[in-house]
Amino acid sequence: MTVAAEWLGWIFLGLGSFFCVVGGLGLVRMPDFYTRMHAASVTDTLGAGLMLLGMMFVAGISLVTVKLIVIGFLLFFTSPTATHALAKAGMHRGLEPRLARQRPEEEVKPSNR
């Protein structure tokens, strides 16, 4: 393994860790269910993808890399699907976004465009 590939792997691992920490902070700091879910799903999917990419660089070309690619495909297909299912369950349950609770009930007028 070359030194450049190892450095690149560690850079991707660091960036992925950063995005996962930002996603965790988003869970704590965001005001309602939908924004928390958005912050967690987007940043954790990106963070996990970057960490998987970093592990691929560190592992080199081997069976481990193939397994990491399979895990990446599984992650990128299931994470958005699970987030969509959670959002749909929240809407079905009657959970309103915070923005809808703050605005008074008013008619939405169509634009003239």
N, C-alpha and C. Protein backbone atom coordinates (compact mmCIF):
# COMPACT_ATOMS: atom_id res chain seq x y z
N MET A 1 0.85 -1.18 0.00
CA MET A 1 0.00 0.00 0.00
C MET A 1 0.90 1.24 0.00
N THR A 2 0.51 2.20 -0.78
CA THR A 2 1.29 3.42 -0.85
C THR A 2 0.94 4.34 0.30
N VAL A 3 1.86 5.22 0.56
CA VAL A 3 1.65 6.18 1.64
C VAL A 3 0.52 7.14 1.29
N ALA A 4 0.41 7.51 0.00
CA ALA A 4 -0.64 8.43 -0.43
C ALA A 4 -2.02 7.82 -0.22
N ALA A 5 -2.17 6.53 -0.53
CA ALA A 5 -3.47 5.87 -0.33
C ALA A 5 -3.82 5.80 1.15
N GLU A 6 -2.82 5.56 1.98
CA GLU A 6 -3.09 5.52 3.42
C GLU A 6 -3.49 6.89 3.95
N TRP A 7 -2.80 7.93 3.52
CA TRP A 7 -3.16 9.28 3.95
C TRP A 7 -4.55 9.66 3.47
N LEU A 8 -4.85 9.31 2.21
CA LEU A 8 -6.17 9.60 1.67
C LEU A 8 -7.25 8.86 2.44
N GLY A 9 -6.97 7.62 2.82
CA GLY A 9 -7.91 6.85 3.62
C GLY A 9 -8.16 7.50 4.97
N TRP A 10 -7.11 7.98 5.62
CA TRP A 10 -7.29 8.61 6.92
C TRP A 10 -8.00 9.95 6.80
N ILE A 11 -7.79 10.65 5.69
CA ILE A 11 -8.52 11.92 5.49
C ILE A 11 -10.01 11.64 5.34
N PHE A 12 -10.37 10.60 4.55
CA PHE A 12 -11.78 10.26 4.39
C PHE A 12 -12.38 9.76 5.71
N LEU A 13 -11.62 9.02 6.48
CA LEU A 13 -12.12 8.58 7.79
C LEU A 13 -12.37 9.77 8.71
N GLY A 14 -11.49 10.74 8.68
CA GLY A 14 -11.68 11.94 9.50
C GLY A 14 -12.88 12.76 9.06
N LEU A 15 -13.04 12.93 7.75
CA LEU A 15 -14.20 13.67 7.24
C LEU A 15 -15.50 12.94 7.56
N GLY A 16 -15.51 11.63 7.42
CA GLY A 16 -16.71 10.86 7.74
C GLY A 16 -17.06 10.96 9.21
N SER A 17 -16.05 10.93 10.06
CA SER A 17 -16.29 11.07 11.49
C SER A 17 -16.86 12.45 11.81
N PHE A 18 -16.33 13.47 11.13
CA PHE A 18 -16.84 14.82 11.34
C PHE A 18 -18.32 14.92 10.98
N PHE A 19 -18.70 14.36 9.84
CA PHE A 19 -20.10 14.41 9.43
C PHE A 19 -21.00 13.62 10.38
N CYS A 20 -20.51 12.51 10.91
CA CYS A 20 -21.32 11.75 11.87
C CYS A 20 -21.51 12.53 13.17
N VAL A 21 -20.49 13.24 13.61
CA VAL A 21 -20.62 14.06 14.81
C VAL A 21 -21.58 15.22 14.56
N VAL A 22 -21.51 15.83 13.38
CA VAL A 22 -22.44 16.91 13.04
C VAL A 22 -23.87 16.39 13.01
N GLY A 23 -24.08 15.17 12.49
CA GLY A 23 -25.40 14.57 12.50
C GLY A 23 -25.91 14.32 13.90
N GLY A 24 -25.02 13.89 14.79
CA GLY A 24 -25.41 13.70 16.18
C GLY A 24 -25.77 15.01 16.85
N LEU A 25 -25.03 16.06 16.55
CA LEU A 25 -25.38 17.38 17.09
C LEU A 25 -26.70 17.87 16.52
N GLY A 26 -26.97 17.53 15.25
CA GLY A 26 -28.25 17.91 14.65
C GLY A 26 -29.42 17.26 15.35
N LEU A 27 -29.23 16.04 15.83
CA LEU A 27 -30.29 15.37 16.60
C LEU A 27 -30.61 16.11 17.88
N VAL A 28 -29.59 16.69 18.48
CA VAL A 28 -29.78 17.38 19.75
C VAL A 28 -30.29 18.81 19.55
N ARG A 29 -29.79 19.49 18.53
CA ARG A 29 -30.04 20.92 18.38
C ARG A 29 -31.28 21.29 17.58
N MET A 30 -31.74 20.44 16.71
CA MET A 30 -32.86 20.80 15.85
C MET A 30 -34.18 20.81 16.63
N PRO A 31 -35.14 21.65 16.20
CA PRO A 31 -36.33 21.88 17.02
C PRO A 31 -37.43 20.82 16.95
N ASP A 32 -37.59 20.13 15.82
CA ASP A 32 -38.70 19.19 15.73
C ASP A 32 -38.27 17.88 15.06
N PHE A 33 -39.21 16.96 14.99
CA PHE A 33 -38.94 15.61 14.50
C PHE A 33 -38.40 15.60 13.08
N TYR A 34 -38.99 16.36 12.18
CA TYR A 34 -38.63 16.32 10.77
C TYR A 34 -37.25 16.91 10.51
N THR A 35 -36.92 18.01 11.16
CA THR A 35 -35.59 18.57 10.97
C THR A 35 -34.53 17.70 11.63
N ARG A 36 -34.84 17.09 12.75
CA ARG A 36 -33.89 16.15 13.36
C ARG A 36 -33.64 14.96 12.45
N MET A 37 -34.71 14.45 11.89
CA MET A 37 -34.59 13.30 11.00
C MET A 37 -33.78 13.67 9.77
N HIS A 38 -33.99 14.84 9.21
CA HIS A 38 -33.24 15.28 8.04
C HIS A 38 -31.77 15.44 8.37
N ALA A 39 -31.48 16.10 9.48
CA ALA A 39 -30.08 16.31 9.87
C ALA A 39 -29.36 14.98 10.08
N ALA A 40 -30.02 14.06 10.73
CA ALA A 40 -29.39 12.78 11.01
C ALA A 40 -29.22 11.94 9.75
N SER A 41 -30.21 11.91 8.90
CA SER A 41 -30.13 11.02 7.74
C SER A 41 -29.12 11.50 6.71
N VAL A 42 -29.11 12.77 6.42
CA VAL A 42 -28.21 13.29 5.39
C VAL A 42 -26.76 13.20 5.86
N THR A 43 -26.48 13.70 7.05
CA THR A 43 -25.09 13.73 7.50
C THR A 43 -24.57 12.35 7.85
N ASP A 44 -25.41 11.49 8.41
CA ASP A 44 -24.92 10.15 8.74
C ASP A 44 -24.72 9.29 7.51
N THR A 45 -25.54 9.45 6.49
CA THR A 45 -25.33 8.70 5.25
C THR A 45 -24.03 9.15 4.59
N LEU A 46 -23.81 10.45 4.52
CA LEU A 46 -22.58 10.96 3.95
C LEU A 46 -21.38 10.57 4.80
N GLY A 47 -21.51 10.69 6.11
CA GLY A 47 -20.41 10.33 7.01
C GLY A 47 -20.05 8.86 6.93
N ALA A 48 -21.04 8.01 6.92
CA ALA A 48 -20.77 6.57 6.82
C ALA A 48 -20.17 6.23 5.46
N GLY A 49 -20.64 6.89 4.41
CA GLY A 49 -20.07 6.66 3.08
C GLY A 49 -18.61 7.07 2.99
N LEU A 50 -18.29 8.22 3.57
CA LEU A 50 -16.90 8.67 3.58
C LEU A 50 -16.02 7.75 4.42
N MET A 51 -16.55 7.27 5.54
CA MET A 51 -15.76 6.35 6.36
C MET A 51 -15.55 5.02 5.65
N LEU A 52 -16.57 4.54 4.95
CA LEU A 52 -16.39 3.31 4.17
C LEU A 52 -15.35 3.51 3.07
N LEU A 53 -15.38 4.67 2.41
CA LEU A 53 -14.40 4.97 1.38
C LEU A 53 -13.00 5.03 1.97
N GLY A 54 -12.87 5.63 3.14
CA GLY A 54 -11.57 5.67 3.81
C GLY A 54 -11.07 4.28 4.17
N MET A 55 -11.96 3.42 4.64
CA MET A 55 -11.56 2.05 4.97
C MET A 55 -11.15 1.29 3.72
N MET A 56 -11.79 1.59 2.58
CA MET A 56 -11.41 0.95 1.32
C MET A 56 -9.99 1.34 0.92
N PHE A 57 -9.65 2.61 1.09
CA PHE A 57 -8.30 3.05 0.78
C PHE A 57 -7.27 2.41 1.70
N VAL A 58 -7.60 2.31 2.97
CA VAL A 58 -6.67 1.71 3.94
C VAL A 58 -6.51 0.21 3.69
N ALA A 59 -7.60 -0.48 3.33
CA ALA A 59 -7.55 -1.93 3.13
C ALA A 59 -6.86 -2.31 1.83
N GLY A 60 -6.88 -1.43 0.84
CA GLY A 60 -6.30 -1.78 -0.45
C GLY A 60 -7.25 -2.66 -1.23
N ILE A 61 -6.73 -3.25 -2.31
CA ILE A 61 -7.56 -4.11 -3.15
C ILE A 61 -7.55 -5.51 -2.55
N SER A 62 -8.69 -5.88 -1.95
CA SER A 62 -8.80 -7.20 -1.32
C SER A 62 -10.28 -7.56 -1.17
N LEU A 63 -10.53 -8.69 -0.56
CA LEU A 63 -11.90 -9.11 -0.31
C LEU A 63 -12.60 -8.17 0.67
N VAL A 64 -11.83 -7.56 1.54
CA VAL A 64 -12.38 -6.60 2.50
C VAL A 64 -13.00 -5.42 1.75
N THR A 65 -12.33 -4.96 0.70
CA THR A 65 -12.86 -3.85 -0.09
C THR A 65 -14.18 -4.22 -0.76
N VAL A 66 -14.29 -5.43 -1.25
CA VAL A 66 -15.54 -5.87 -1.87
C VAL A 66 -16.66 -5.89 -0.83
N LYS A 67 -16.36 -6.36 0.37
CA LYS A 67 -17.35 -6.38 1.43
C LYS A 67 -17.77 -4.96 1.82
N LEU A 68 -16.82 -4.04 1.85
CA LEU A 68 -17.14 -2.65 2.17
C LEU A 68 -18.01 -2.02 1.09
N ILE A 69 -17.79 -2.39 -0.17
CA ILE A 69 -18.62 -1.88 -1.25
C ILE A 69 -20.05 -2.39 -1.10
N VAL A 70 -20.21 -3.66 -0.75
CA VAL A 70 -21.55 -4.22 -0.53
C VAL A 70 -22.24 -3.52 0.64
N ILE A 71 -21.52 -3.28 1.70
CA ILE A 71 -22.08 -2.56 2.85
C ILE A 71 -22.48 -1.15 2.43
N GLY A 72 -21.66 -0.49 1.60
CA GLY A 72 -21.99 0.86 1.12
C GLY A 72 -23.26 0.89 0.30
N PHE A 73 -23.42 -0.09 -0.61
CA PHE A 73 -24.65 -0.15 -1.40
C PHE A 73 -25.86 -0.38 -0.49
N LEU A 74 -25.72 -1.28 0.46
CA LEU A 74 -26.81 -1.55 1.39
C LEU A 74 -27.17 -0.29 2.17
N LEU A 75 -26.17 0.42 2.62
CA LEU A 75 -26.40 1.64 3.39
C LEU A 75 -27.09 2.72 2.56
N PHE A 76 -26.62 2.92 1.33
CA PHE A 76 -27.17 3.99 0.50
C PHE A 76 -28.57 3.68 -0.01
N PHE A 77 -28.99 2.42 0.02
CA PHE A 77 -30.36 2.11 -0.37
C PHE A 77 -31.31 2.07 0.83
N THR A 78 -30.84 1.60 1.97
CA THR A 78 -31.73 1.44 3.11
C THR A 78 -31.90 2.72 3.94
N SER A 79 -30.87 3.53 4.04
CA SER A 79 -30.96 4.73 4.89
C SER A 79 -32.00 5.73 4.37
N PRO A 80 -32.00 6.11 3.10
CA PRO A 80 -33.06 7.02 2.64
C PRO A 80 -34.45 6.39 2.70
N THR A 81 -34.53 5.08 2.47
CA THR A 81 -35.82 4.40 2.55
C THR A 81 -36.36 4.42 3.97
N ALA A 82 -35.50 4.17 4.94
CA ALA A 82 -35.93 4.20 6.34
C ALA A 82 -36.33 5.61 6.76
N THR A 83 -35.60 6.61 6.30
CA THR A 83 -35.94 7.99 6.63
C THR A 83 -37.29 8.37 6.04
N HIS A 84 -37.54 7.95 4.81
CA HIS A 84 -38.83 8.23 4.18
C HIS A 84 -39.96 7.53 4.93
N ALA A 85 -39.73 6.30 5.35
CA ALA A 85 -40.76 5.56 6.09
C ALA A 85 -41.05 6.24 7.43
N LEU A 86 -40.02 6.73 8.11
CA LEU A 86 -40.23 7.44 9.37
C LEU A 86 -41.02 8.73 9.16
N ALA A 87 -40.68 9.47 8.10
CA ALA A 87 -41.40 10.72 7.83
C ALA A 87 -42.85 10.44 7.49
N LYS A 88 -43.08 9.41 6.70
CA LYS A 88 -44.45 9.06 6.32
C LYS A 88 -45.25 8.60 7.54
N ALA A 89 -44.61 7.84 8.44
CA ALA A 89 -45.29 7.41 9.66
C ALA A 89 -45.62 8.60 10.55
N GLY A 90 -44.71 9.57 10.62
CA GLY A 90 -44.97 10.77 11.40
C GLY A 90 -46.13 11.58 10.84
N MET A 91 -46.18 11.71 9.51
CA MET A 91 -47.29 12.43 8.89
C MET A 91 -48.61 11.68 9.07
N HIS A 92 -48.56 10.37 8.94
CA HIS A 92 -49.77 9.56 9.12
C HIS A 92 -50.29 9.65 10.55
N ARG A 93 -49.37 9.76 11.49
CA ARG A 93 -49.73 9.86 12.90
C ARG A 93 -50.27 11.24 13.27
N GLY A 94 -50.05 12.22 12.37
CA GLY A 94 -50.56 13.57 12.64
C GLY A 94 -49.53 14.50 13.22
N LEU A 95 -48.27 14.13 13.17
CA LEU A 95 -47.20 14.96 13.69
C LEU A 95 -46.92 16.07 12.70
N GLU A 96 -47.17 17.30 13.11
CA GLU A 96 -47.00 18.44 12.22
C GLU A 96 -45.59 19.01 12.35
N PRO A 97 -45.07 19.54 11.25
CA PRO A 97 -43.79 20.24 11.34
C PRO A 97 -43.91 21.50 12.18
N ARG A 98 -42.83 21.95 12.75
CA ARG A 98 -42.86 23.12 13.61
C ARG A 98 -43.30 24.36 12.85
N LEU A 99 -42.92 24.47 11.59
CA LEU A 99 -43.30 25.61 10.78
C LEU A 99 -44.81 25.71 10.63
N ALA A 100 -45.47 24.57 10.51
CA ALA A 100 -46.93 24.58 10.39
C ALA A 100 -47.60 25.01 11.68
N ARG A 101 -46.98 24.76 12.82
CA ARG A 101 -47.56 25.18 14.10
C ARG A 101 -47.36 26.66 14.34
N GLN A 102 -46.32 27.26 13.77
CA GLN A 102 -46.04 28.67 14.02
C GLN A 102 -46.89 29.61 13.18
N ARG A 103 -47.21 29.22 11.97
CA ARG A 103 -47.98 30.09 11.08
C ARG A 103 -49.46 30.04 11.41
N PRO A 104 -50.13 31.17 11.32
CA PRO A 104 -51.59 31.13 11.45
C PRO A 104 -52.18 30.50 10.19
N GLU A 105 -53.35 29.95 10.35
CA GLU A 105 -54.01 29.31 9.20
C GLU A 105 -54.39 30.39 8.19
N GLU A 106 -53.79 30.30 7.02
CA GLU A 106 -54.11 31.25 5.97
C GLU A 106 -54.13 30.52 4.63
N GLU A 107 -54.86 31.06 3.73
CA GLU A 107 -54.95 30.44 2.43
C GLU A 107 -53.68 30.71 1.64
N VAL A 108 -53.27 29.72 0.92
CA VAL A 108 -52.11 29.88 0.07
C VAL A 108 -52.59 30.36 -1.29
N LYS A 109 -52.13 31.53 -1.67
CA LYS A 109 -52.55 32.09 -2.94
C LYS A 109 -51.57 31.65 -4.04
N PRO A 110 -52.09 31.21 -5.17
CA PRO A 110 -51.17 30.80 -6.25
C PRO A 110 -50.45 32.00 -6.82
N SER A 111 -49.22 31.75 -7.24
CA SER A 111 -48.45 32.86 -7.81
C SER A 111 -48.90 33.12 -9.25
N ASN A 112 -48.58 34.28 -9.77
CA ASN A 112 -48.99 34.67 -11.11
C ASN A 112 -47.98 34.29 -12.17
N ARG A 113 -47.10 33.41 -11.89
CA ARG A 113 -46.06 33.05 -12.85
C ARG A 113 -46.55 32.10 -13.84
